[in-house]
Amino acid sequence: MDSKKRNVLSKRFKIDGTLGERLLALRKTRKLTQRDLAKIIRVSHVTISQWESGDSEPSGSNLIALSFALECSPTGLMYGIDFDSVEAEVQPNTLCIRYPVLTSLQASRLEDPLDVNALKDIKLWFESDAPLEGDGFWTLVDNDSMTAPVGISIPVGTYVLYDFSREAVNGDFVLAKLNKSASITFKQFVTDGEHKFLKALNPAWPLHQIDDGCEIIGVAVETKLRFVKNND
């Protein structure tokens, strides 16, 4: 797994403990002494002791050898999560990462940083190779405020992927929460000097001026339109 995938996933999951603590626990689970393990991977027992105490860390061939000896993956030993087997999150040999599809209510309750651990009950996930700065999520457009007669149009039924960490700039499409209310809205973020607005692409919808009480939840980076419904 390349560093980009690993870095994104490491932000998604809570990583507890250290490499040394995991090494010690795995060794004891397999009822091996430090000398036993050292003999298997052909290092000194002092080296094993240093790894377990955190004075140094295994790398390269030693890390691979440890993973075979302890029957775990190198990433599982290093990070506590077997990233290479998380098929539900990252598709093999691509940069595609899967993001949860949230309801409006779920999106309005998101907190920074985004805790994907709390979203494990989400059944619908879509993948994307869009260059997100942080984690992301999808929501479904449920009104015609972004349906335009000409130019860019984002109709009802479109799924929009939002970057949770990207800062909104003039012209971006954003998901916003007004004045800390429970309701959210999908609009274009527009600035005019010191004034900020949320603009609909549908001219029938009014321009809405916003203040510091408006919270930008995410910046849109991609859309997806499905012509068939999910079976669930």
Protein backbone atom coordinates (compact mmCIF):
# COMPACT_ATOMS: atom_id res chain seq x y z
CA MET A 1 0.00 0.00 0.00
CA ASP A 2 1.37 3.41 -0.93
CA SER A 3 1.79 6.25 1.56
CA LYS A 4 -1.22 8.22 0.31
CA LYS A 5 -3.66 5.39 1.02
CA ARG A 6 -2.02 4.59 4.34
CA ASN A 7 -2.08 8.23 5.50
CA VAL A 8 -5.76 8.63 4.65
CA LEU A 9 -6.71 5.43 6.43
CA SER A 10 -4.58 6.20 9.46
CA LYS A 11 -6.67 9.36 9.94
CA ARG A 12 -9.86 7.32 9.77
CA PHE A 13 -9.10 4.90 12.56
CA LYS A 14 -8.03 5.37 16.14
CA ILE A 15 -4.58 3.85 16.50
CA ASP A 16 -3.87 2.77 20.06
CA GLY A 17 -0.58 1.63 21.54
CA THR A 18 2.92 1.51 20.13
CA LEU A 19 4.74 -0.89 17.85
CA GLY A 20 6.66 -2.20 20.85
CA GLU A 21 3.48 -2.91 22.79
CA ARG A 22 1.97 -4.77 19.84
CA LEU A 23 5.18 -6.74 19.34
CA LEU A 24 5.26 -7.76 23.00
CA ALA A 25 1.59 -8.79 22.98
CA LEU A 26 1.92 -10.83 19.79
CA ARG A 27 5.07 -12.56 21.05
CA LYS A 28 3.39 -13.55 24.31
CA THR A 29 0.26 -14.72 22.48
CA ARG A 30 2.44 -17.11 20.51
CA LYS A 31 4.27 -18.12 23.72
CA LEU A 32 7.68 -17.09 22.44
CA THR A 33 10.50 -15.72 24.56
CA GLN A 34 12.61 -12.87 23.29
CA ARG A 35 15.37 -15.39 22.58
CA ASP A 36 12.94 -17.65 20.69
CA LEU A 37 11.81 -14.79 18.45
CA ALA A 38 15.35 -13.52 18.00
CA LYS A 39 16.46 -16.95 16.82
CA ILE A 40 13.60 -17.18 14.31
CA ILE A 41 14.35 -13.85 12.62
CA ARG A 42 18.11 -14.03 13.17
CA VAL A 43 18.73 -11.02 15.39
CA SER A 44 19.95 -10.76 18.99
CA HIS A 45 17.52 -10.95 21.90
CA VAL A 46 18.80 -7.49 22.88
CA THR A 47 17.43 -6.17 19.59
CA ILE A 48 14.01 -7.68 20.37
CA SER A 49 14.14 -6.05 23.79
CA GLN A 50 14.95 -2.66 22.25
CA TRP A 51 12.05 -2.96 19.82
CA GLU A 52 9.61 -3.86 22.58
CA SER A 53 10.80 -1.04 24.83
CA GLY A 54 10.55 1.49 22.01
CA ASP A 55 14.25 2.32 21.98
CA SER A 56 14.31 1.42 18.30
CA GLU A 57 11.96 0.05 15.63
CA PRO A 58 12.29 -2.76 13.10
CA SER A 59 12.32 -1.86 9.44
CA GLY A 60 12.82 -3.42 6.05
CA SER A 61 13.56 -7.14 6.09
CA ASN A 62 13.33 -7.31 9.90
CA LEU A 63 9.77 -5.97 9.81
CA ILE A 64 8.81 -8.53 7.16
CA ALA A 65 10.48 -11.32 9.12
CA LEU A 66 8.60 -10.32 12.28
CA SER A 67 5.28 -10.29 10.43
CA PHE A 68 5.87 -13.87 9.25
CA ALA A 69 7.04 -15.04 12.67
CA LEU A 70 4.11 -13.45 14.48
CA GLU A 71 1.54 -14.23 11.76
CA CYS A 72 0.47 -10.64 11.20
CA SER A 73 0.83 -8.07 8.45
CA PRO A 74 3.66 -5.50 8.52
CA THR A 75 1.09 -2.68 8.66
CA GLY A 76 -0.76 -4.47 11.43
CA LEU A 77 2.42 -4.57 13.47
CA MET A 78 3.42 -1.00 12.66
CA TYR A 79 0.01 0.69 13.00
CA GLY A 80 -2.29 -1.79 14.71
CA ILE A 81 -4.50 -1.98 11.60
CA ASP A 82 -4.07 -4.38 8.71
CA PHE A 83 -4.50 -1.73 5.99
CA ASP A 84 -3.60 -4.21 3.27
CA SER A 85 -6.68 -6.30 4.03
CA VAL A 86 -9.17 -3.44 4.44
CA GLU A 87 -10.83 -4.19 1.13
CA ALA A 88 -13.94 -2.23 2.12
CA GLU A 89 -11.88 0.94 2.33
CA VAL A 90 -9.28 0.85 -0.43
CA GLN A 91 -9.53 -0.93 -3.74
CA PRO A 92 -6.37 -2.89 -4.71
CA ASN A 93 -3.94 -1.25 -7.14
CA THR A 94 -5.84 2.03 -7.30
CA LEU A 95 -5.97 5.31 -5.44
CA CYS A 96 -9.73 4.96 -4.94
CA ILE A 97 -10.92 5.35 -1.38
CA ARG A 98 -14.44 4.68 -0.14
CA TYR A 99 -16.41 7.38 1.66
CA PRO A 100 -19.71 7.02 3.56
CA VAL A 101 -23.02 8.27 2.18
CA LEU A 102 -24.66 10.30 4.97
CA THR A 103 -28.16 11.62 5.50
CA SER A 104 -28.58 15.34 5.99
CA LEU A 105 -29.03 14.81 9.72
CA GLN A 106 -25.85 12.73 10.00
CA ALA A 107 -23.89 15.34 8.04
CA SER A 108 -25.18 18.16 10.24
CA ARG A 109 -23.89 16.37 13.34
CA LEU A 110 -20.35 15.76 12.10
CA GLU A 111 -17.57 16.99 14.32
CA ASP A 112 -13.99 17.98 13.50
CA PRO A 113 -12.00 15.80 13.24
CA LEU A 114 -14.31 13.42 11.43
CA ASP A 115 -14.62 10.17 13.39
CA VAL A 116 -15.32 7.44 10.86
CA ASN A 117 -15.27 4.92 13.72
CA ALA A 118 -18.70 6.28 14.65
CA LEU A 119 -20.00 5.66 11.11
CA LYS A 120 -19.51 1.90 10.95
CA ASP A 121 -23.26 1.33 10.66
CA ILE A 122 -23.36 3.20 7.35
CA LYS A 123 -24.36 0.72 4.66
CA LEU A 124 -23.77 2.77 1.50
CA TRP A 125 -20.24 3.81 0.55
CA PHE A 126 -18.98 5.21 -2.77
CA GLU A 127 -15.37 5.23 -3.89
CA SER A 128 -13.46 8.12 -5.41
CA ASP A 129 -9.94 8.98 -6.51
CA ALA A 130 -10.55 12.72 -6.02
CA PRO A 131 -7.63 14.54 -4.31
CA LEU A 132 -9.11 15.25 -0.89
CA GLU A 133 -7.12 17.17 1.71
CA GLY A 134 -8.71 15.24 4.58
CA ASP A 135 -11.49 12.72 5.00
CA GLY A 136 -14.75 12.93 3.11
CA PHE A 137 -18.40 11.96 2.88
CA TRP A 138 -21.24 11.93 0.34
CA THR A 139 -24.77 13.33 0.66
CA LEU A 140 -27.74 13.24 -1.70
CA VAL A 141 -29.12 16.43 -3.26
CA ASP A 142 -32.79 16.54 -2.23
CA ASN A 143 -34.11 19.80 -3.74
CA ASP A 144 -33.88 21.75 -7.00
CA SER A 145 -31.94 24.76 -5.67
CA MET A 146 -28.84 23.68 -7.61
CA THR A 147 -30.68 22.78 -10.82
CA ALA A 148 -29.70 25.44 -13.34
CA PRO A 149 -31.31 26.23 -16.73
CA VAL A 150 -27.84 26.65 -18.29
CA GLY A 151 -24.25 25.86 -17.33
CA ILE A 152 -23.38 23.71 -14.35
CA SER A 153 -26.44 21.99 -12.94
CA ILE A 154 -26.62 19.60 -9.97
CA PRO A 155 -30.11 18.10 -9.99
CA VAL A 156 -32.10 16.26 -7.37
CA GLY A 157 -30.81 12.72 -6.92
CA THR A 158 -27.14 13.62 -7.38
CA TYR A 159 -24.63 12.39 -4.81
CA VAL A 160 -22.02 14.97 -3.85
CA LEU A 161 -18.64 14.15 -2.30
CA TYR A 162 -17.37 16.71 0.22
CA ASP A 163 -13.87 17.28 1.52
CA PHE A 164 -14.21 17.68 5.28
CA SER A 165 -10.88 19.54 5.67
CA ARG A 166 -10.72 21.82 2.63
CA GLU A 167 -11.21 25.54 3.24
CA ALA A 168 -13.91 27.13 1.10
CA VAL A 169 -12.92 29.87 -1.35
CA ASN A 170 -14.98 32.06 -3.67
CA GLY A 171 -16.84 29.94 -6.22
CA ASP A 172 -16.68 26.62 -4.35
CA PHE A 173 -19.78 24.50 -3.89
CA VAL A 174 -20.27 23.83 -0.19
CA LEU A 175 -22.43 22.09 2.35
CA ALA A 176 -23.23 24.65 5.05
CA LYS A 177 -25.05 24.82 8.36
CA LEU A 178 -26.65 28.19 9.08
CA ASN A 179 -26.32 29.73 12.53
CA LYS A 180 -25.59 26.38 14.19
CA SER A 181 -29.05 25.11 13.23
CA ALA A 182 -29.80 21.46 12.61
CA SER A 183 -30.57 22.04 8.92
CA ILE A 184 -27.93 22.08 6.21
CA THR A 185 -27.90 23.50 2.70
CA PHE A 186 -25.92 22.82 -0.48
CA LYS A 187 -25.04 26.03 -2.30
CA GLN A 188 -22.25 27.92 -4.05
CA PHE A 189 -20.01 29.96 -1.74
CA VAL A 190 -19.58 33.51 -3.09
CA THR A 191 -17.66 36.45 -1.65
CA ASP A 192 -17.97 40.13 -2.48
CA GLY A 193 -15.43 42.13 -0.53
CA GLU A 194 -16.09 41.43 3.15
CA HIS A 195 -19.55 39.98 2.44
CA LYS A 196 -20.20 36.26 2.03
CA PHE A 197 -23.14 34.60 0.34
CA LEU A 198 -24.66 31.23 -0.39
CA LYS A 199 -25.90 31.22 -3.97
CA ALA A 200 -28.26 28.73 -5.58
CA LEU A 201 -27.72 27.79 -9.23
CA ASN A 202 -31.49 27.87 -9.70
CA PRO A 203 -32.41 31.56 -10.22
CA ALA A 204 -35.76 30.98 -8.52
CA TRP A 205 -33.98 30.56 -5.19
CA PRO A 206 -32.89 33.70 -3.30
CA LEU A 207 -29.30 34.72 -2.56
CA HIS A 208 -28.54 34.24 1.12
CA GLN A 209 -26.02 36.47 2.92
CA ILE A 210 -24.16 34.68 5.69
CA ASP A 211 -22.24 35.75 8.77
CA ASP A 212 -19.71 34.21 11.12
CA GLY A 213 -22.44 31.98 12.53
CA CYS A 214 -22.49 29.97 9.30
CA GLU A 215 -20.48 26.74 9.45
CA ILE A 216 -19.04 25.28 6.25
CA ILE A 217 -19.21 21.52 6.80
CA GLY A 218 -17.48 20.47 3.61
CA VAL A 219 -16.38 21.61 0.15
CA ALA A 220 -17.76 19.67 -2.82
CA VAL A 221 -15.13 17.93 -4.95
CA GLU A 222 -17.12 15.45 -7.05
CA THR A 223 -20.63 14.42 -8.03
CA LYS A 224 -22.17 11.06 -8.92
CA LEU A 225 -25.56 10.39 -10.46
CA ARG A 226 -27.11 6.94 -10.10
CA PHE A 227 -29.92 5.79 -12.36
CA VAL A 228 -30.84 2.77 -10.25
CA LYS A 229 -31.62 2.65 -6.55
CA ASN A 230 -29.65 0.74 -3.95
CA ASN A 231 -31.22 -2.62 -3.08
CA ASP A 232 -31.15 -1.94 0.68
